[in-house]
Amino acid sequence: MERPYILHMITPGKQMSPFDINMAADAGYQIIVPYCEADMKSVTALTQDAIFSRGPKGVARTGIFIGGRDAVVAADMLETSTKAMVPPFVVSVMADPSGAYTTAAAMVACVEAALLKTSAEGLKGRRVVVLGGTGPVGRIAGVLAAQAGAEVALSSRNGIDVAEEAAQQTGKRFGVTIHGVSGGDRAAVRTSIADVDVVLACAAAGVQVVSAEDLGFAKRMLVAADVNAVPPEGVAGVGVMDDAKPLAGTNAVGIGALAIGNVKYQTQHRLLAQMREAPKAVTLGFAEAFATARAFLAESRAG
């Protein structure tokens, strides 16, 4: 009898996301077990319990998924899990806290694809502001944009000090330079978007961070991307289905939440399937998510 595919899902939160459980089942995992309120010590113990109990053939059918809500903690847990492996007992591990890694990867890949339509430079040298930039999606979107060559600033409605702290912490952890800017009031938001090429709206659902009046200040903006699918739209005029659609009253195009969400879904599905199917163990974080999102978009354009 062939051994079943087992996915151990670890989160520091009180529960594992039903979304991620559904995705894991649709990717072919047969037994899916959540472990909640885990800390770093738990990650090491759970990893070693998972790898030593199945033998060489069993570990090939075993995976570990890291969830939670903190992008930095998830990265640390991913690293802790991989370090806890003892060859040849090595299993695949993936992190995607609250979908932040795959959502950020999809968002930045969609923006890059829109920019590449008019310039071979893509994100290189572009100025990017991430509104709602201190949350998990915003932080990782900022890191990915910076790694792609952009000059990135994270914005917070709680002011410059909170934004700068998040920018410094995130930049140090992932080896990139990111700045902080204030989004504490309308004047601050208008200042932050006045001289940027790209606006990434990553604020909470149902919060409009850029109004129609604010758009008049974004004279250089080429792309506005919004992950908010709950009315009102995060960026005024960007519909949830918009896929590089001209944004009224600007020289930019808009990318909406469901257009990004489709790429996010495909990215997460492909990563989970890769974990299950890979002949050798793989470690999948936001860099791999970005590469997968780029590949999906390239295939879509070619098709």
C-alpha atoms as a PDB file:
ATOM      1  CA  MET A   1       0.000   0.000   0.000  1.00  0.00           C
ATOM      2  CA  GLU A   2       1.336   3.418  -0.941  1.00  0.00           C
ATOM      3  CA  ARG A   3       1.818   5.845   1.891  1.00  0.00           C
ATOM      4  CA  PRO A   4      -0.572   8.836   1.989  1.00  0.00           C
ATOM      5  CA  TYR A   5       0.494  12.416   1.334  1.00  0.00           C
ATOM      6  CA  ILE A   6       0.566  14.215   4.703  1.00  0.00           C
ATOM      7  CA  LEU A   7       0.812  17.974   5.235  1.00  0.00           C
ATOM      8  CA  HIS A   8       1.617  19.257   8.724  1.00  0.00           C
ATOM      9  CA  MET A   9       0.379  22.868   9.015  1.00  0.00           C
ATOM     10  CA  ILE A  10       2.035  24.946  11.739  1.00  0.00           C
ATOM     11  CA  THR A  11       0.839  28.360  12.910  1.00  0.00           C
ATOM     12  CA  PRO A  12       1.586  30.632  15.870  1.00  0.00           C
ATOM     13  CA  GLY A  13      -2.074  31.720  15.692  1.00  0.00           C
ATOM     14  CA  LYS A  14      -5.107  30.226  17.413  1.00  0.00           C
ATOM     15  CA  GLN A  15      -6.259  28.466  14.260  1.00  0.00           C
ATOM     16  CA  MET A  16      -5.046  27.529  10.809  1.00  0.00           C
ATOM     17  CA  SER A  17      -6.685  29.328   7.895  1.00  0.00           C
ATOM     18  CA  PRO A  18      -9.507  27.316   6.279  1.00  0.00           C
ATOM     19  CA  PHE A  19      -8.406  28.852   2.970  1.00  0.00           C
ATOM     20  CA  ASP A  20      -4.986  27.215   3.261  1.00  0.00           C
ATOM     21  CA  ILE A  21      -6.484  23.885   4.334  1.00  0.00           C
ATOM     22  CA  ASN A  22      -8.746  23.913   1.258  1.00  0.00           C
ATOM     23  CA  MET A  23      -5.804  24.793  -0.976  1.00  0.00           C
ATOM     24  CA  ALA A  24      -3.741  21.946   0.461  1.00  0.00           C
ATOM     25  CA  ALA A  25      -6.534  19.437  -0.153  1.00  0.00           C
ATOM     26  CA  ASP A  26      -7.008  20.666  -3.729  1.00  0.00           C
ATOM     27  CA  ALA A  27      -3.255  20.279  -4.292  1.00  0.00           C
ATOM     28  CA  GLY A  28      -3.515  16.570  -3.490  1.00  0.00           C
ATOM     29  CA  TYR A  29      -2.630  16.228   0.173  1.00  0.00           C
ATOM     30  CA  GLN A  30      -4.691  13.447   1.720  1.00  0.00           C
ATOM     31  CA  ILE A  31      -4.063  14.008   5.424  1.00  0.00           C
ATOM     32  CA  ILE A  32      -3.862  17.608   6.638  1.00  0.00           C
ATOM     33  CA  VAL A  33      -3.151  18.313  10.300  1.00  0.00           C
ATOM     34  CA  PRO A  34      -3.005  21.802  11.887  1.00  0.00           C
ATOM     35  CA  TYR A  35      -0.815  22.634  14.896  1.00  0.00           C
ATOM     36  CA  CYS A  36      -1.839  25.920  16.500  1.00  0.00           C
ATOM     37  CA  GLU A  37      -0.194  28.387  18.893  1.00  0.00           C
ATOM     38  CA  ALA A  38       3.243  27.049  17.977  1.00  0.00           C
ATOM     39  CA  ASP A  39       6.488  28.802  18.903  1.00  0.00           C
ATOM     40  CA  MET A  40       9.996  28.369  17.516  1.00  0.00           C
ATOM     41  CA  LYS A  41      10.771  25.502  19.889  1.00  0.00           C
ATOM     42  CA  SER A  42       7.577  23.788  18.764  1.00  0.00           C
ATOM     43  CA  VAL A  43       8.616  24.147  15.116  1.00  0.00           C
ATOM     44  CA  THR A  44      11.840  22.229  15.737  1.00  0.00           C
ATOM     45  CA  ALA A  45      10.079  19.481  17.689  1.00  0.00           C
ATOM     46  CA  LEU A  46       7.207  19.128  15.224  1.00  0.00           C
ATOM     47  CA  THR A  47       9.581  19.039  12.264  1.00  0.00           C
ATOM     48  CA  GLN A  48      11.686  16.283  13.783  1.00  0.00           C
ATOM     49  CA  ASP A  49       8.613  14.290  14.792  1.00  0.00           C
ATOM     50  CA  ALA A  50       7.391  14.539  11.201  1.00  0.00           C
ATOM     51  CA  ILE A  51      10.622  13.449   9.526  1.00  0.00           C
ATOM     52  CA  PHE A  52      11.739  10.531  11.699  1.00  0.00           C
ATOM     53  CA  SER A  53       8.481   8.572  11.707  1.00  0.00           C
ATOM     54  CA  ARG A  54       8.057   7.694   8.005  1.00  0.00           C
ATOM     55  CA  GLY A  55      11.371   6.524   6.534  1.00  0.00           C
ATOM     56  CA  PRO A  56      12.934   7.662   3.227  1.00  0.00           C
ATOM     57  CA  LYS A  57       9.854   6.835   1.144  1.00  0.00           C
ATOM     58  CA  GLY A  58       7.537   8.455   3.661  1.00  0.00           C
ATOM     59  CA  VAL A  59       9.401  11.759   3.864  1.00  0.00           C
ATOM     60  CA  ALA A  60       8.940  12.137   0.096  1.00  0.00           C
ATOM     61  CA  ARG A  61       5.198  12.201   0.788  1.00  0.00           C
ATOM     62  CA  THR A  62       5.401  14.544   3.772  1.00  0.00           C
ATOM     63  CA  GLY A  63       5.259  18.349   3.781  1.00  0.00           C
ATOM     64  CA  ILE A  64       5.259  21.178   6.308  1.00  0.00           C
ATOM     65  CA  PHE A  65       3.346  24.443   5.864  1.00  0.00           C
ATOM     66  CA  ILE A  66       4.006  27.564   7.971  1.00  0.00           C
ATOM     67  CA  GLY A  67       1.089  29.950   8.469  1.00  0.00           C
ATOM     68  CA  GLY A  68       0.304  32.734  10.941  1.00  0.00           C
ATOM     69  CA  ARG A  69      -0.109  36.453  10.415  1.00  0.00           C
ATOM     70  CA  ASP A  70       3.438  37.801  10.760  1.00  0.00           C
ATOM     71  CA  ALA A  71       5.615  37.801   7.644  1.00  0.00           C
ATOM     72  CA  VAL A  72       8.882  37.998   9.579  1.00  0.00           C
ATOM     73  CA  VAL A  73       7.955  35.311  12.127  1.00  0.00           C
ATOM     74  CA  ALA A  74       6.918  33.011   9.285  1.00  0.00           C
ATOM     75  CA  ALA A  75      10.303  33.503   7.608  1.00  0.00           C
ATOM     76  CA  ASP A  76      12.031  32.667  10.894  1.00  0.00           C
ATOM     77  CA  MET A  77       9.863  29.562  11.343  1.00  0.00           C
ATOM     78  CA  LEU A  78      10.626  28.461   7.782  1.00  0.00           C
ATOM     79  CA  GLU A  79      14.344  28.783   8.486  1.00  0.00           C
ATOM     80  CA  THR A  80      14.003  27.006  11.839  1.00  0.00           C
ATOM     81  CA  SER A  81      12.137  24.088  10.248  1.00  0.00           C
ATOM     82  CA  THR A  82      14.711  23.606   7.490  1.00  0.00           C
ATOM     83  CA  LYS A  83      17.569  23.708  10.014  1.00  0.00           C
ATOM     84  CA  ALA A  84      15.817  21.035  12.102  1.00  0.00           C
ATOM     85  CA  MET A  85      16.078  18.492   9.249  1.00  0.00           C
ATOM     86  CA  VAL A  86      18.533  15.616   9.606  1.00  0.00           C
ATOM     87  CA  PRO A  87      19.517  14.187   6.182  1.00  0.00           C
ATOM     88  CA  PRO A  88      18.385  11.925   4.656  1.00  0.00           C
ATOM     89  CA  PHE A  89      15.203  12.729   6.589  1.00  0.00           C
ATOM     90  CA  VAL A  90      14.351  15.972   4.791  1.00  0.00           C
ATOM     91  CA  VAL A  91      10.842  17.118   3.803  1.00  0.00           C
ATOM     92  CA  SER A  92       9.501  20.029   1.785  1.00  0.00           C
ATOM     93  CA  VAL A  93       8.549  23.179   3.688  1.00  0.00           C
ATOM     94  CA  MET A  94       6.468  26.162   2.545  1.00  0.00           C
ATOM     95  CA  ALA A  95       5.576  29.427   4.299  1.00  0.00           C
ATOM     96  CA  ASP A  96       2.637  31.659   3.384  1.00  0.00           C
ATOM     97  CA  PRO A  97       1.383  33.561   6.465  1.00  0.00           C
ATOM     98  CA  SER A  98      -2.216  34.703   5.880  1.00  0.00           C
ATOM     99  CA  GLY A  99      -1.492  34.284   2.182  1.00  0.00           C
ATOM    100  CA  ALA A 100       0.877  37.246   2.449  1.00  0.00           C
ATOM    101  CA  TYR A 101       3.741  35.692   0.500  1.00  0.00           C
ATOM    102  CA  THR A 102       1.632  34.545  -2.448  1.00  0.00           C
ATOM    103  CA  THR A 103      -0.531  37.686  -2.439  1.00  0.00           C
ATOM    104  CA  ALA A 104       2.479  40.004  -2.369  1.00  0.00           C
ATOM    105  CA  ALA A 105       4.185  37.920  -5.057  1.00  0.00           C
ATOM    106  CA  ALA A 106       1.109  38.083  -7.282  1.00  0.00           C
ATOM    107  CA  MET A 107       0.702  41.826  -6.727  1.00  0.00           C
ATOM    108  CA  VAL A 108       4.286  42.730  -7.556  1.00  0.00           C
ATOM    109  CA  ALA A 109       4.406  40.319 -10.504  1.00  0.00           C
ATOM    110  CA  CYS A 110       1.245  41.896 -11.962  1.00  0.00           C
ATOM    111  CA  VAL A 111       2.719  45.384 -11.545  1.00  0.00           C
ATOM    112  CA  GLU A 112       5.987  44.308 -13.130  1.00  0.00           C
ATOM    113  CA  ALA A 113       4.122  42.774 -16.075  1.00  0.00           C
ATOM    114  CA  ALA A 114       2.197  46.026 -16.598  1.00  0.00           C
ATOM    115  CA  LEU A 115       5.411  48.073 -16.538  1.00  0.00           C
ATOM    116  CA  LEU A 116       7.153  45.699 -18.956  1.00  0.00           C
ATOM    117  CA  LYS A 117       4.541  46.509 -21.580  1.00  0.00           C
ATOM    118  CA  THR A 118       6.102  49.941 -22.002  1.00  0.00           C
ATOM    119  CA  SER A 119       9.657  49.532 -20.651  1.00  0.00           C
ATOM    120  CA  ALA A 120      12.127  46.663 -20.542  1.00  0.00           C
ATOM    121  CA  GLU A 121      13.348  47.945 -17.156  1.00  0.00           C
ATOM    122  CA  GLY A 122      10.236  46.750 -15.336  1.00  0.00           C
ATOM    123  CA  LEU A 123      10.530  47.754 -11.663  1.00  0.00           C
ATOM    124  CA  LYS A 124      14.202  48.648 -11.848  1.00  0.00           C
ATOM    125  CA  GLY A 125      14.696  52.265 -10.817  1.00  0.00           C
ATOM    126  CA  ARG A 126      10.980  52.833 -10.172  1.00  0.00           C
ATOM    127  CA  ARG A 127       9.747  54.653  -7.100  1.00  0.00           C
ATOM    128  CA  VAL A 128       7.180  52.615  -5.200  1.00  0.00           C
ATOM    129  CA  VAL A 129       5.041  53.478  -2.187  1.00  0.00           C
ATOM    130  CA  VAL A 130       3.190  50.771  -0.269  1.00  0.00           C
ATOM    131  CA  LEU A 131       0.093  52.171   1.431  1.00  0.00           C
ATOM    132  CA  GLY A 132      -0.816  50.012   4.412  1.00  0.00           C
ATOM    133  CA  GLY A 133       2.781  48.940   4.212  1.00  0.00           C
ATOM    134  CA  THR A 134       3.267  47.715   7.789  1.00  0.00           C
ATOM    135  CA  GLY A 135       1.011  44.659   7.387  1.00  0.00           C
ATOM    136  CA  PRO A 136       2.280  41.269   6.164  1.00  0.00           C
ATOM    137  CA  VAL A 137       1.326  41.742   2.497  1.00  0.00           C
ATOM    138  CA  GLY A 138       2.683  45.283   2.411  1.00  0.00           C
ATOM    139  CA  ARG A 139       6.018  44.356   3.952  1.00  0.00           C
ATOM    140  CA  ILE A 140       6.667  41.457   1.583  1.00  0.00           C
ATOM    141  CA  ALA A 141       5.443  43.415  -1.442  1.00  0.00           C
ATOM    142  CA  GLY A 142       7.949  46.089  -0.454  1.00  0.00           C
ATOM    143  CA  VAL A 143      10.759  43.548  -0.133  1.00  0.00           C
ATOM    144  CA  LEU A 144       9.984  41.992  -3.524  1.00  0.00           C
ATOM    145  CA  ALA A 145       9.812  45.381  -5.235  1.00  0.00           C
ATOM    146  CA  ALA A 146      13.123  46.389  -3.642  1.00  0.00           C
ATOM    147  CA  GLN A 147      14.747  43.120  -4.714  1.00  0.00           C
ATOM    148  CA  ALA A 148      13.525  43.839  -8.253  1.00  0.00           C
ATOM    149  CA  GLY A 149      15.399  47.142  -8.195  1.00  0.00           C
ATOM    150  CA  ALA A 150      12.754  49.624  -7.051  1.00  0.00           C
ATOM    151  CA  GLU A 151      13.142  52.389  -4.503  1.00  0.00           C
ATOM    152  CA  VAL A 152      10.517  51.472  -1.901  1.00  0.00           C
ATOM    153  CA  ALA A 153       8.757  53.285   0.916  1.00  0.00           C
ATOM    154  CA  LEU A 154       6.297  51.734   3.372  1.00  0.00           C
ATOM    155  CA  SER A 155       3.489  54.028   4.494  1.00  0.00           C
ATOM    156  CA  SER A 156       1.478  53.791   7.712  1.00  0.00           C
ATOM    157  CA  ARG A 157      -1.655  55.635   8.760  1.00  0.00           C
ATOM    158  CA  ASN A 158      -0.104  55.602  12.264  1.00  0.00           C
ATOM    159  CA  GLY A 159       2.609  57.997  11.168  1.00  0.00           C
ATOM    160  CA  ILE A 160       6.235  58.168  10.160  1.00  0.00           C
ATOM    161  CA  ASP A 161       7.673  56.555  13.303  1.00  0.00           C
ATOM    162  CA  VAL A 162       5.635  53.355  12.893  1.00  0.00           C
ATOM    163  CA  ALA A 163       6.365  53.268   9.168  1.00  0.00           C
ATOM    164  CA  GLU A 164      10.087  53.779   9.633  1.00  0.00           C
ATOM    165  CA  GLU A 165      10.315  51.111  12.330  1.00  0.00           C
ATOM    166  CA  ALA A 166       8.568  48.579  10.067  1.00  0.00           C
ATOM    167  CA  ALA A 167      10.741  49.563   7.122  1.00  0.00           C
ATOM    168  CA  GLN A 168      13.985  49.212   9.065  1.00  0.00           C
ATOM    169  CA  GLN A 169      12.984  45.908  10.692  1.00  0.00           C
ATOM    170  CA  THR A 170      11.823  44.406   7.400  1.00  0.00           C
ATOM    171  CA  GLY A 171      14.764  45.701   5.399  1.00  0.00           C
ATOM    172  CA  LYS A 172      17.288  44.395   7.916  1.00  0.00           C
ATOM    173  CA  ARG A 173      15.660  40.952   8.102  1.00  0.00           C
ATOM    174  CA  PHE A 174      15.553  40.466   4.337  1.00  0.00           C
ATOM    175  CA  GLY A 175      18.641  42.389   3.254  1.00  0.00           C
ATOM    176  CA  VAL A 176      17.083  45.268   1.328  1.00  0.00           C
ATOM    177  CA  THR A 177      16.818  49.031   1.759  1.00  0.00           C
ATOM    178  CA  ILE A 178      13.292  50.260   2.487  1.00  0.00           C
ATOM    179  CA  HIS A 179      12.180  53.646   3.794  1.00  0.00           C
ATOM    180  CA  GLY A 180       9.198  54.750   5.842  1.00  0.00           C
ATOM    181  CA  VAL A 181       6.733  57.537   5.033  1.00  0.00           C
ATOM    182  CA  SER A 182       3.699  58.845   6.837  1.00  0.00           C
ATOM    183  CA  GLY A 183       0.166  58.123   5.686  1.00  0.00           C
ATOM    184  CA  GLY A 184      -1.395  59.627   8.779  1.00  0.00           C
ATOM    185  CA  ASP A 185      -3.686  62.098   7.024  1.00  0.00           C
ATOM    186  CA  ARG A 186      -4.809  63.145   3.551  1.00  0.00           C
ATOM    187  CA  ALA A 187      -1.968  65.614   3.159  1.00  0.00           C
ATOM    188  CA  ALA A 188       0.587  62.916   4.037  1.00  0.00           C
ATOM    189  CA  VAL A 189      -0.954  60.441   1.588  1.00  0.00           C
ATOM    190  CA  ARG A 190      -0.949  63.040  -1.178  1.00  0.00           C
ATOM    191  CA  THR A 191       2.692  63.853  -0.494  1.00  0.00           C
ATOM    192  CA  SER A 192       3.643  60.178  -0.523  1.00  0.00           C
ATOM    193  CA  ILE A 193       2.049  59.498  -3.933  1.00  0.00           C
ATOM    194  CA  ALA A 194       3.087  62.748  -5.587  1.00  0.00           C
ATOM    195  CA  ASP A 195       6.398  61.594  -7.052  1.00  0.00           C
ATOM    196  CA  VAL A 196       6.082  57.793  -7.301  1.00  0.00           C
ATOM    197  CA  ASP A 197       5.714  55.527 -10.310  1.00  0.00           C
ATOM    198  CA  VAL A 198       3.812  52.772  -8.518  1.00  0.00           C
ATOM    199  CA  VAL A 199       1.229  52.751  -5.733  1.00  0.00           C
ATOM    200  CA  LEU A 200       0.611  49.434  -3.956  1.00  0.00           C
ATOM    201  CA  ALA A 201      -2.532  49.590  -1.811  1.00  0.00           C
ATOM    202  CA  CYS A 202      -2.282  46.953   0.920  1.00  0.00           C
ATOM    203  CA  ALA A 203      -4.506  48.462   3.597  1.00  0.00           C
ATOM    204  CA  ALA A 204      -7.254  46.607   5.468  1.00  0.00           C
ATOM    205  CA  ALA A 205     -10.336  45.438   3.591  1.00  0.00           C
ATOM    206  CA  GLY A 206     -12.937  48.126   3.071  1.00  0.00           C
ATOM    207  CA  VAL A 207     -10.511  51.019   3.625  1.00  0.00           C
ATOM    208  CA  GLN A 208      -9.998  53.506   0.804  1.00  0.00           C
ATOM    209  CA  VAL A 209      -6.459  54.845   1.033  1.00  0.00           C
ATOM    210  CA  VAL A 210      -6.463  56.884  -2.182  1.00  0.00           C
ATOM    211  CA  SER A 211      -9.553  58.921  -3.039  1.00  0.00           C
ATOM    212  CA  ALA A 212     -10.483  60.329  -6.444  1.00  0.00           C
ATOM    213  CA  GLU A 213      -9.270  63.729  -5.242  1.00  0.00           C
ATOM    214  CA  ASP A 214      -5.972  62.236  -4.076  1.00  0.00           C
ATOM    215  CA  LEU A 215      -5.320  60.792  -7.545  1.00  0.00           C
ATOM    216  CA  GLY A 216      -4.917  64.305  -8.885  1.00  0.00           C
ATOM    217  CA  PHE A 217      -1.659  64.567  -6.939  1.00  0.00           C
ATOM    218  CA  ALA A 218      -0.148  61.399  -8.443  1.00  0.00           C
ATOM    219  CA  LYS A 219       1.270  63.048 -11.553  1.00  0.00           C
ATOM    220  CA  ARG A 220       4.005  60.449 -12.198  1.00  0.00           C
ATOM    221  CA  MET A 221       2.035  57.328 -11.365  1.00  0.00           C
ATOM    222  CA  LEU A 222       2.157  54.553 -13.966  1.00  0.00           C
ATOM    223  CA  VAL A 223       0.497  51.686 -12.066  1.00  0.00           C
ATOM    224  CA  ALA A 224      -1.856  51.492  -9.087  1.00  0.00           C
ATOM    225  CA  ALA A 225      -2.463  48.012  -7.645  1.00  0.00           C
ATOM    226  CA  ASP A 226      -5.062  47.274  -4.970  1.00  0.00           C
ATOM    227  CA  VAL A 227      -5.598  44.045  -2.995  1.00  0.00           C
ATOM    228  CA  ASN A 228      -8.814  45.249  -1.313  1.00  0.00           C
ATOM    229  CA  ALA A 229     -11.841  43.370  -2.662  1.00  0.00           C
ATOM    230  CA  VAL A 230     -14.319  44.869  -0.157  1.00  0.00           C
ATOM    231  CA  PRO A 231     -16.078  48.146  -1.139  1.00  0.00           C
ATOM    232  CA  PRO A 232     -15.049  50.863  -1.302  1.00  0.00           C
ATOM    233  CA  GLU A 233     -12.022  50.147  -3.480  1.00  0.00           C
ATOM    234  CA  GLY A 234      -8.650  50.873  -1.862  1.00  0.00           C
ATOM    235  CA  VAL A 235      -7.706  53.135  -4.771  1.00  0.00           C
ATOM    236  CA  ALA A 236     -10.633  55.073  -6.202  1.00  0.00           C
ATOM    237  CA  GLY A 237     -11.499  53.967  -9.708  1.00  0.00           C
ATOM    238  CA  VAL A 238      -9.616  50.641  -9.604  1.00  0.00           C
ATOM    239  CA  GLY A 239     -12.221  47.917 -10.084  1.00  0.00           C
ATOM    240  CA  VAL A 240     -11.656  44.505  -8.583  1.00  0.00           C
ATOM    241  CA  MET A 241     -11.498  42.895 -12.049  1.00  0.00           C
ATOM    242  CA  ASP A 242      -9.246  45.524 -13.624  1.00  0.00           C
ATOM    243  CA  ASP A 243      -6.136  44.039 -15.183  1.00  0.00           C
ATOM    244  CA  ALA A 244      -3.887  46.924 -16.248  1.00  0.00           C
ATOM    245  CA  LYS A 245      -6.952  48.945 -17.195  1.00  0.00           C
ATOM    246  CA  PRO A 246      -6.493  52.704 -17.742  1.00  0.00           C
ATOM    247  CA  LEU A 247      -7.307  54.557 -14.532  1.00  0.00           C
ATOM    248  CA  ALA A 248      -9.597  57.514 -15.200  1.00  0.00           C
ATOM    249  CA  GLY A 249      -8.096  60.938 -14.559  1.00  0.00           C
ATOM    250  CA  THR A 250      -4.509  59.653 -14.537  1.00  0.00           C
ATOM    251  CA  ASN A 251      -1.811  58.420 -16.892  1.00  0.00           C
ATOM    252  CA  ALA A 252      -1.714  55.137 -14.972  1.00  0.00           C
ATOM    253  CA  VAL A 253      -3.293  51.710 -15.252  1.00  0.00           C
ATOM    254  CA  GLY A 254      -5.074  49.981 -12.401  1.00  0.00           C
ATOM    255  CA  ILE A 255      -4.830  46.377 -11.219  1.00  0.00           C
ATOM    256  CA  GLY A 256      -7.663  45.179  -9.012  1.00  0.00           C
ATOM    257  CA  ALA A 257      -7.980  42.688  -6.177  1.00  0.00           C
ATOM    258  CA  LEU A 258      -9.547  39.828  -8.125  1.00  0.00           C
ATOM    259  CA  ALA A 259      -7.056  40.143 -10.983  1.00  0.00           C
ATOM    260  CA  ILE A 260      -4.284  39.860  -8.384  1.00  0.00           C
ATOM    261  CA  GLY A 261      -6.248  37.165  -6.542  1.00  0.00           C
ATOM    262  CA  ASN A 262      -6.338  34.914  -9.586  1.00  0.00           C
ATOM    263  CA  VAL A 263      -2.550  35.025  -9.837  1.00  0.00           C
ATOM    264  CA  LYS A 264      -2.266  34.492  -6.071  1.00  0.00           C
ATOM    265  CA  TYR A 265      -4.498  31.411  -6.261  1.00  0.00           C
ATOM    266  CA  GLN A 266      -2.551  29.927  -9.135  1.00  0.00           C
ATOM    267  CA  THR A 267       0.731  30.676  -7.367  1.00  0.00           C
ATOM    268  CA  GLN A 268      -0.254  29.035  -4.093  1.00  0.00           C
ATOM    269  CA  HIS A 269      -1.726  26.009  -5.871  1.00  0.00           C
ATOM    270  CA  ARG A 270       1.440  25.525  -7.926  1.00  0.00           C
ATOM    271  CA  LEU A 271       3.695  25.812  -4.876  1.00  0.00           C
ATOM    272  CA  LEU A 272       1.663  23.290  -2.874  1.00  0.00           C
ATOM    273  CA  ALA A 273       1.617  20.927  -5.840  1.00  0.00           C
ATOM    274  CA  GLN A 274       5.365  21.397  -6.286  1.00  0.00           C
ATOM    275  CA  MET A 275       5.901  20.456  -2.644  1.00  0.00           C
ATOM    276  CA  ARG A 276       3.890  17.276  -3.092  1.00  0.00           C
ATOM    277  CA  GLU A 277       5.385  16.292  -6.455  1.00  0.00           C
ATOM    278  CA  ALA A 278       9.039  17.328  -6.121  1.00  0.00           C
ATOM    279  CA  PRO A 279      11.496  14.381  -6.355  1.00  0.00           C
ATOM    280  CA  LYS A 280      13.672  16.132  -3.761  1.00  0.00           C
ATOM    281  CA  ALA A 281      12.640  18.272  -0.810  1.00  0.00           C
ATOM    282  CA  VAL A 282      12.116  21.978  -1.569  1.00  0.00           C
ATOM    283  CA  THR A 283      11.931  25.079   0.612  1.00  0.00           C
ATOM    284  CA  LEU A 284       9.374  27.616  -0.605  1.00  0.00           C
ATOM    285  CA  GLY A 285       9.159  31.196   0.624  1.00  0.00           C
ATOM    286  CA  PHE A 286       8.181  34.487  -0.967  1.00  0.00           C
ATOM    287  CA  ALA A 287      11.079  34.455  -3.447  1.00  0.00           C
ATOM    288  CA  GLU A 288       9.825  31.170  -4.882  1.00  0.00           C
ATOM    289  CA  ALA A 289       6.280  32.531  -4.840  1.00  0.00           C
ATOM    290  CA  PHE A 290       7.415  35.534  -6.891  1.00  0.00           C
ATOM    291  CA  ALA A 291       9.185  33.324  -9.426  1.00  0.00           C
ATOM    292  CA  THR A 292       6.056  31.187  -9.716  1.00  0.00           C
ATOM    293  CA  ALA A 293       3.771  34.212 -10.169  1.00  0.00           C
ATOM    294  CA  ARG A 294       6.079  35.590 -12.860  1.00  0.00           C
ATOM    295  CA  ALA A 295       6.064  32.229 -14.642  1.00  0.00           C
ATOM    296  CA  PHE A 296       2.268  32.006 -14.532  1.00  0.00           C
ATOM    297  CA  LEU A 297       1.916  35.497 -16.020  1.00  0.00           C
ATOM    298  CA  ALA A 298       4.481  34.719 -18.723  1.00  0.00           C
ATOM    299  CA  GLU A 299       2.536  31.597 -19.662  1.00  0.00           C
ATOM    300  CA  SER A 300      -0.711  33.562 -19.706  1.00  0.00           C
ATOM    301  CA  ARG A 301       0.766  36.171 -22.043  1.00  0.00           C
ATOM    302  CA  ALA A 302       2.229  33.506 -24.314  1.00  0.00           C
ATOM    303  CA  GLY A 303      -1.113  31.712 -24.460  1.00  0.00           C
END
